[in-house]
Amino acid sequence: MEQMKEINLLIDITMSSAYNARVISCIAVLTQITNFLLLMFQKGEYIFMKVGKEIWKIYVANVATFALKS
């Protein structure tokens, strides 16, 4: 089995609700990102990740499910 490479990503994470909106920016390796998401997102949220010149829009349905949406 091929080992997954750790990738440094610049991530802009937007969390909003009726009461507040905030933007968190961080640089972390992929494993740290996964741990962060598992801790932070307890409900459906959209996450925008900038990778090179591409922007990925990810919807986190719950703490265990990740779905990539275009």
PDB file of N, CA and C in Angstrom:
ATOM      1  N   MET A   1       0.845  -1.188   0.000  1.00  0.00           N
ATOM      2  CA  MET A   1       0.000   0.000   0.000  1.00  0.00           C
ATOM      3  C   MET A   1       0.887   1.247   0.000  1.00  0.00           C
ATOM      4  N   GLU A   2       0.558   2.162  -0.868  1.00  0.00           N
ATOM      5  CA  GLU A   2       1.340   3.389  -0.980  1.00  0.00           C
ATOM      6  C   GLU A   2       0.996   4.342   0.156  1.00  0.00           C
ATOM      7  N   GLN A   3       2.028   4.906   0.753  1.00  0.00           N
ATOM      8  CA  GLN A   3       1.810   5.824   1.871  1.00  0.00           C
ATOM      9  C   GLN A   3       1.350   7.182   1.359  1.00  0.00           C
ATOM     10  N   MET A   4       0.331   7.738   1.999  1.00  0.00           N
ATOM     11  CA  MET A   4      -0.165   9.050   1.609  1.00  0.00           C
ATOM     12  C   MET A   4       0.844  10.126   1.990  1.00  0.00           C
ATOM     13  N   LYS A   5       1.127  11.007   1.049  1.00  0.00           N
ATOM     14  CA  LYS A   5       2.065  12.092   1.315  1.00  0.00           C
ATOM     15  C   LYS A   5       1.377  13.186   2.110  1.00  0.00           C
ATOM     16  N   GLU A   6       2.135  13.793   2.986  1.00  0.00           N
ATOM     17  CA  GLU A   6       1.619  14.933   3.724  1.00  0.00           C
ATOM     18  C   GLU A   6       1.744  16.166   2.844  1.00  0.00           C
ATOM     19  N   ILE A   7       0.666  16.898   2.723  1.00  0.00           N
ATOM     20  CA  ILE A   7       0.629  18.052   1.841  1.00  0.00           C
ATOM     21  C   ILE A   7       0.340  19.297   2.663  1.00  0.00           C
ATOM     22  N   ASN A   8       1.150  20.313   2.468  1.00  0.00           N
ATOM     23  CA  ASN A   8       0.886  21.586   3.128  1.00  0.00           C
ATOM     24  C   ASN A   8      -0.151  22.357   2.325  1.00  0.00           C
ATOM     25  N   LEU A   9      -1.198  22.767   2.980  1.00  0.00           N
ATOM     26  CA  LEU A   9      -2.279  23.474   2.307  1.00  0.00           C
ATOM     27  C   LEU A   9      -2.593  24.766   3.036  1.00  0.00           C
ATOM     28  N   LEU A  10      -2.904  25.784   2.272  1.00  0.00           N
ATOM     29  CA  LEU A  10      -3.424  27.013   2.851  1.00  0.00           C
ATOM     30  C   LEU A  10      -4.938  26.900   2.807  1.00  0.00           C
ATOM     31  N   ILE A  11      -5.551  26.972   3.962  1.00  0.00           N
ATOM     32  CA  ILE A  11      -6.984  26.730   4.051  1.00  0.00           C
ATOM     33  C   ILE A  11      -7.708  27.950   4.571  1.00  0.00           C
ATOM     34  N   ASP A  12      -8.737  28.332   3.856  1.00  0.00           N
ATOM     35  CA  ASP A  12      -9.638  29.361   4.345  1.00  0.00           C
ATOM     36  C   ASP A  12     -10.935  28.665   4.742  1.00  0.00           C
ATOM     37  N   ILE A  13     -11.229  28.669   6.012  1.00  0.00           N
ATOM     38  CA  ILE A  13     -12.416  27.988   6.517  1.00  0.00           C
ATOM     39  C   ILE A  13     -13.429  29.031   6.959  1.00  0.00           C
ATOM     40  N   THR A  14     -14.599  28.991   6.368  1.00  0.00           N
ATOM     41  CA  THR A  14     -15.635  29.947   6.709  1.00  0.00           C
ATOM     42  C   THR A  14     -16.731  29.248   7.507  1.00  0.00           C
ATOM     43  N   MET A  15     -17.000  29.756   8.682  1.00  0.00           N
ATOM     44  CA  MET A  15     -18.064  29.223   9.524  1.00  0.00           C
ATOM     45  C   MET A  15     -19.055  30.348   9.773  1.00  0.00           C
ATOM     46  N   SER A  16     -20.319  30.110   9.465  1.00  0.00           N
ATOM     47  CA  SER A  16     -21.297  31.174   9.657  1.00  0.00           C
ATOM     48  C   SER A  16     -22.596  30.611  10.215  1.00  0.00           C
ATOM     49  N   SER A  17     -23.338  31.462  10.886  1.00  0.00           N
ATOM     50  CA  SER A  17     -24.651  31.108  11.410  1.00  0.00           C
ATOM     51  C   SER A  17     -25.470  32.377  11.502  1.00  0.00           C
ATOM     52  N   ALA A  18     -26.674  32.272  12.024  1.00  0.00           N
ATOM     53  CA  ALA A  18     -27.522  33.451  12.177  1.00  0.00           C
ATOM     54  C   ALA A  18     -26.932  34.426  13.187  1.00  0.00           C
ATOM     55  N   TYR A  19     -26.055  33.931  14.051  1.00  0.00           N
ATOM     56  CA  TYR A  19     -25.532  34.755  15.139  1.00  0.00           C
ATOM     57  C   TYR A  19     -24.130  35.299  14.880  1.00  0.00           C
ATOM     58  N   ASN A  20     -23.340  34.572  14.115  1.00  0.00           N
ATOM     59  CA  ASN A  20     -21.987  35.064  13.876  1.00  0.00           C
ATOM     60  C   ASN A  20     -21.423  34.530  12.573  1.00  0.00           C
ATOM     61  N   ALA A  21     -20.351  35.151  12.151  1.00  0.00           N
ATOM     62  CA  ALA A  21     -19.622  34.684  10.971  1.00  0.00           C
ATOM     63  C   ALA A  21     -18.148  34.949  11.219  1.00  0.00           C
ATOM     64  N   ARG A  22     -17.350  33.974  10.940  1.00  0.00           N
ATOM     65  CA  ARG A  22     -15.921  34.171  11.144  1.00  0.00           C
ATOM     66  C   ARG A  22     -15.127  33.379  10.118  1.00  0.00           C
ATOM     67  N   VAL A  23     -13.942  33.826   9.871  1.00  0.00           N
ATOM     68  CA  VAL A  23     -13.067  33.152   8.923  1.00  0.00           C
ATOM     69  C   VAL A  23     -11.790  32.747   9.647  1.00  0.00           C
ATOM     70  N   ILE A  24     -11.434  31.498   9.508  1.00  0.00           N
ATOM     71  CA  ILE A  24     -10.221  30.990  10.129  1.00  0.00           C
ATOM     72  C   ILE A  24      -9.254  30.593   9.015  1.00  0.00           C
ATOM     73  N   SER A  25      -8.057  31.102   9.068  1.00  0.00           N
ATOM     74  CA  SER A  25      -7.033  30.720   8.094  1.00  0.00           C
ATOM     75  C   SER A  25      -5.903  30.004   8.818  1.00  0.00           C
ATOM     76  N   CYS A  26      -5.437  28.925   8.229  1.00  0.00           N
ATOM     77  CA  CYS A  26      -4.343  28.210   8.855  1.00  0.00           C
ATOM     78  C   CYS A  26      -3.548  27.450   7.815  1.00  0.00           C
ATOM     79  N   ILE A  27      -2.316  27.146   8.153  1.00  0.00           N
ATOM     80  CA  ILE A  27      -1.487  26.285   7.320  1.00  0.00           C
ATOM     81  C   ILE A  27      -1.179  25.040   8.143  1.00  0.00           C
ATOM     82  N   ALA A  28      -1.485  23.878   7.610  1.00  0.00           N
ATOM     83  CA  ALA A  28      -1.289  22.646   8.367  1.00  0.00           C
ATOM     84  C   ALA A  28      -1.095  21.485   7.404  1.00  0.00           C
ATOM     85  N   VAL A  29      -0.528  20.396   7.907  1.00  0.00           N
ATOM     86  CA  VAL A  29      -0.419  19.196   7.092  1.00  0.00           C
ATOM     87  C   VAL A  29      -1.772  18.495   7.064  1.00  0.00           C
ATOM     88  N   LEU A  30      -1.949  17.655   6.061  1.00  0.00           N
ATOM     89  CA  LEU A  30      -3.251  17.051   5.815  1.00  0.00           C
ATOM     90  C   LEU A  30      -3.810  16.314   7.027  1.00  0.00           C
ATOM     91  N   THR A  31      -2.966  15.591   7.756  1.00  0.00           N
ATOM     92  CA  THR A  31      -3.441  14.850   8.926  1.00  0.00           C
ATOM     93  C   THR A  31      -3.934  15.795  10.015  1.00  0.00           C
ATOM     94  N   GLN A  32      -3.247  16.923  10.176  1.00  0.00           N
ATOM     95  CA  GLN A  32      -3.680  17.900  11.170  1.00  0.00           C
ATOM     96  C   GLN A  32      -5.001  18.539  10.758  1.00  0.00           C
ATOM     97  N   ILE A  33      -5.168  18.765   9.454  1.00  0.00           N
ATOM     98  CA  ILE A  33      -6.417  19.316   8.947  1.00  0.00           C
ATOM     99  C   ILE A  33      -7.581  18.385   9.277  1.00  0.00           C
ATOM    100  N   THR A  34      -7.386  17.088   9.011  1.00  0.00           N
ATOM    101  CA  THR A  34      -8.435  16.110   9.288  1.00  0.00           C
ATOM    102  C   THR A  34      -8.814  16.117  10.765  1.00  0.00           C
ATOM    103  N   ASN A  35      -7.836  16.118  11.640  1.00  0.00           N
ATOM    104  CA  ASN A  35      -8.109  16.153  13.077  1.00  0.00           C
ATOM    105  C   ASN A  35      -8.848  17.424  13.465  1.00  0.00           C
ATOM    106  N   PHE A  36      -8.444  18.545  12.871  1.00  0.00           N
ATOM    107  CA  PHE A  36      -9.096  19.820  13.156  1.00  0.00           C
ATOM    108  C   PHE A  36     -10.565  19.781  12.746  1.00  0.00           C
ATOM    109  N   LEU A  37     -10.835  19.248  11.563  1.00  0.00           N
ATOM    110  CA  LEU A  37     -12.214  19.180  11.080  1.00  0.00           C
ATOM    111  C   LEU A  37     -13.067  18.277  11.958  1.00  0.00           C
ATOM    112  N   LEU A  38     -12.506  17.153  12.370  1.00  0.00           N
ATOM    113  CA  LEU A  38     -13.257  16.234  13.221  1.00  0.00           C
ATOM    114  C   LEU A  38     -13.617  16.881  14.554  1.00  0.00           C
ATOM    115  N   LEU A  39     -12.750  17.765  15.043  1.00  0.00           N
ATOM    116  CA  LEU A  39     -13.011  18.433  16.312  1.00  0.00           C
ATOM    117  C   LEU A  39     -13.976  19.612  16.163  1.00  0.00           C
ATOM    118  N   MET A  40     -13.875  20.339  15.058  1.00  0.00           N
ATOM    119  CA  MET A  40     -14.582  21.611  14.929  1.00  0.00           C
ATOM    120  C   MET A  40     -15.992  21.512  14.356  1.00  0.00           C
ATOM    121  N   PHE A  41     -16.213  20.577  13.441  1.00  0.00           N
ATOM    122  CA  PHE A  41     -17.478  20.592  12.718  1.00  0.00           C
ATOM    123  C   PHE A  41     -18.432  19.509  13.209  1.00  0.00           C
ATOM    124  N   GLN A  42     -19.452  19.913  13.911  1.00  0.00           N
ATOM    125  CA  GLN A  42     -20.434  18.977  14.446  1.00  0.00           C
ATOM    126  C   GLN A  42     -21.714  18.952  13.618  1.00  0.00           C
ATOM    127  N   LYS A  43     -21.787  19.833  12.620  1.00  0.00           N
ATOM    128  CA  LYS A  43     -22.958  19.866  11.742  1.00  0.00           C
ATOM    129  C   LYS A  43     -22.501  20.232  10.342  1.00  0.00           C
ATOM    130  N   GLY A  44     -23.432  20.310   9.413  1.00  0.00           N
ATOM    131  CA  GLY A  44     -23.085  20.598   8.028  1.00  0.00           C
ATOM    132  C   GLY A  44     -22.435  21.957   7.866  1.00  0.00           C
ATOM    133  N   GLU A  45     -21.276  21.988   7.244  1.00  0.00           N
ATOM    134  CA  GLU A  45     -20.551  23.234   6.993  1.00  0.00           C
ATOM    135  C   GLU A  45     -19.888  23.162   5.621  1.00  0.00           C
ATOM    136  N   TYR A  46     -19.726  24.318   5.011  1.00  0.00           N
ATOM    137  CA  TYR A  46     -18.959  24.389   3.769  1.00  0.00           C
ATOM    138  C   TYR A  46     -17.546  24.850   4.079  1.00  0.00           C
ATOM    139  N   ILE A  47     -16.576  24.228   3.460  1.00  0.00           N
ATOM    140  CA  ILE A  47     -15.178  24.571   3.670  1.00  0.00           C
ATOM    141  C   ILE A  47     -14.550  24.840   2.306  1.00  0.00           C
ATOM    142  N   PHE A  48     -13.841  25.951   2.204  1.00  0.00           N
ATOM    143  CA  PHE A  48     -13.177  26.295   0.958  1.00  0.00           C
ATOM    144  C   PHE A  48     -11.673  26.124   1.130  1.00  0.00           C
ATOM    145  N   MET A  49     -11.062  25.285   0.279  1.00  0.00           N
ATOM    146  CA  MET A  49      -9.638  25.013   0.372  1.00  0.00           C
ATOM    147  C   MET A  49      -8.962  25.490  -0.902  1.00  0.00           C
ATOM    148  N   LYS A  50      -7.928  26.308  -0.760  1.00  0.00           N
ATOM    149  CA  LYS A  50      -7.163  26.756  -1.918  1.00  0.00           C
ATOM    150  C   LYS A  50      -5.937  25.878  -2.071  1.00  0.00           C
ATOM    151  N   VAL A  51      -5.877  25.153  -3.182  1.00  0.00           N
ATOM    152  CA  VAL A  51      -4.759  24.261  -3.460  1.00  0.00           C
ATOM    153  C   VAL A  51      -4.156  24.681  -4.797  1.00  0.00           C
ATOM    154  N   GLY A  52      -2.997  25.303  -4.742  1.00  0.00           N
ATOM    155  CA  GLY A  52      -2.404  25.845  -5.958  1.00  0.00           C
ATOM    156  C   GLY A  52      -3.291  26.949  -6.505  1.00  0.00           C
ATOM    157  N   LYS A  53      -3.717  26.783  -7.768  1.00  0.00           N
ATOM    158  CA  LYS A  53      -4.618  27.771  -8.370  1.00  0.00           C
ATOM    159  C   LYS A  53      -6.073  27.328  -8.296  1.00  0.00           C
ATOM    160  N   GLU A  54      -6.316  26.163  -7.739  1.00  0.00           N
ATOM    161  CA  GLU A  54      -7.669  25.633  -7.645  1.00  0.00           C
ATOM    162  C   GLU A  54      -8.278  25.915  -6.280  1.00  0.00           C
ATOM    163  N   ILE A  55      -9.587  26.079  -6.266  1.00  0.00           N
ATOM    164  CA  ILE A  55     -10.313  26.224  -5.000  1.00  0.00           C
ATOM    165  C   ILE A  55     -11.273  25.045  -4.882  1.00  0.00           C
ATOM    166  N   TRP A  56     -11.138  24.284  -3.807  1.00  0.00           N
ATOM    167  CA  TRP A  56     -12.007  23.143  -3.570  1.00  0.00           C
ATOM    168  C   TRP A  56     -13.093  23.540  -2.592  1.00  0.00           C
ATOM    169  N   LYS A  57     -14.344  23.210  -2.934  1.00  0.00           N
ATOM    170  CA  LYS A  57     -15.469  23.455  -2.033  1.00  0.00           C
ATOM    171  C   LYS A  57     -15.885  22.111  -1.444  1.00  0.00           C
ATOM    172  N   ILE A  58     -15.746  21.975  -0.137  1.00  0.00           N
ATOM    173  CA  ILE A  58     -16.043  20.706   0.530  1.00  0.00           C
ATOM    174  C   ILE A  58     -17.190  20.898   1.506  1.00  0.00           C
ATOM    175  N   TYR A  59     -18.147  19.993   1.447  1.00  0.00           N
ATOM    176  CA  TYR A  59     -19.254  20.016   2.401  1.00  0.00           C
ATOM    177  C   TYR A  59     -19.045  18.909   3.417  1.00  0.00           C
ATOM    178  N   VAL A  60     -18.974  19.284   4.683  1.00  0.00           N
ATOM    179  CA  VAL A  60     -18.818  18.299   5.751  1.00  0.00           C
ATOM    180  C   VAL A  60     -20.202  18.018   6.324  1.00  0.00           C
ATOM    181  N   ALA A  61     -20.742  16.849   5.993  1.00  0.00           N
ATOM    182  CA  ALA A  61     -22.104  16.516   6.402  1.00  0.00           C
ATOM    183  C   ALA A  61     -22.181  16.247   7.900  1.00  0.00           C
ATOM    184  N   ASN A  62     -21.177  15.583   8.428  1.00  0.00           N
ATOM    185  CA  ASN A  62     -21.092  15.356   9.871  1.00  0.00           C
ATOM    186  C   ASN A  62     -19.645  15.063  10.217  1.00  0.00           C
ATOM    187  N   VAL A  63     -19.363  14.687  11.442  1.00  0.00           N
ATOM    188  CA  VAL A  63     -17.970  14.518  11.865  1.00  0.00           C
ATOM    189  C   VAL A  63     -17.275  13.342  11.184  1.00  0.00           C
ATOM    190  N   ALA A  64     -18.029  12.468  10.518  1.00  0.00           N
ATOM    191  CA  ALA A  64     -17.417  11.293   9.910  1.00  0.00           C
ATOM    192  C   ALA A  64     -17.516  11.267   8.387  1.00  0.00           C
ATOM    193  N   THR A  65     -18.302  12.150   7.791  1.00  0.00           N
ATOM    194  CA  THR A  65     -18.563  12.088   6.357  1.00  0.00           C
ATOM    195  C   THR A  65     -18.052  13.330   5.644  1.00  0.00           C
ATOM    196  N   PHE A  66     -17.238  13.117   4.628  1.00  0.00           N
ATOM    197  CA  PHE A  66     -16.718  14.220   3.825  1.00  0.00           C
ATOM    198  C   PHE A  66     -17.171  14.013   2.381  1.00  0.00           C
ATOM    199  N   ALA A  67     -17.797  15.013   1.776  1.00  0.00           N
ATOM    200  CA  ALA A  67     -18.243  14.904   0.393  1.00  0.00           C
ATOM    201  C   ALA A  67     -17.717  16.088  -0.404  1.00  0.00           C
ATOM    202  N   LEU A  68     -17.051  15.804  -1.515  1.00  0.00           N
ATOM    203  CA  LEU A  68     -16.508  16.868  -2.357  1.00  0.00           C
ATOM    204  C   LEU A  68     -17.571  17.297  -3.361  1.00  0.00           C
ATOM    205  N   LYS A  69     -17.893  18.576  -3.367  1.00  0.00           N
ATOM    206  CA  LYS A  69     -18.900  19.095  -4.290  1.00  0.00           C
ATOM    207  C   LYS A  69     -18.271  20.138  -5.197  1.00  0.00           C
ATOM    208  N   SER A  70     -18.698  20.130  -6.454  1.00  0.00           N
ATOM    209  CA  SER A  70     -18.145  21.092  -7.407  1.00  0.00           C
ATOM    210  C   SER A  70     -18.869  22.424  -7.317  1.00  0.00           C
TER     211      SER A  70
END
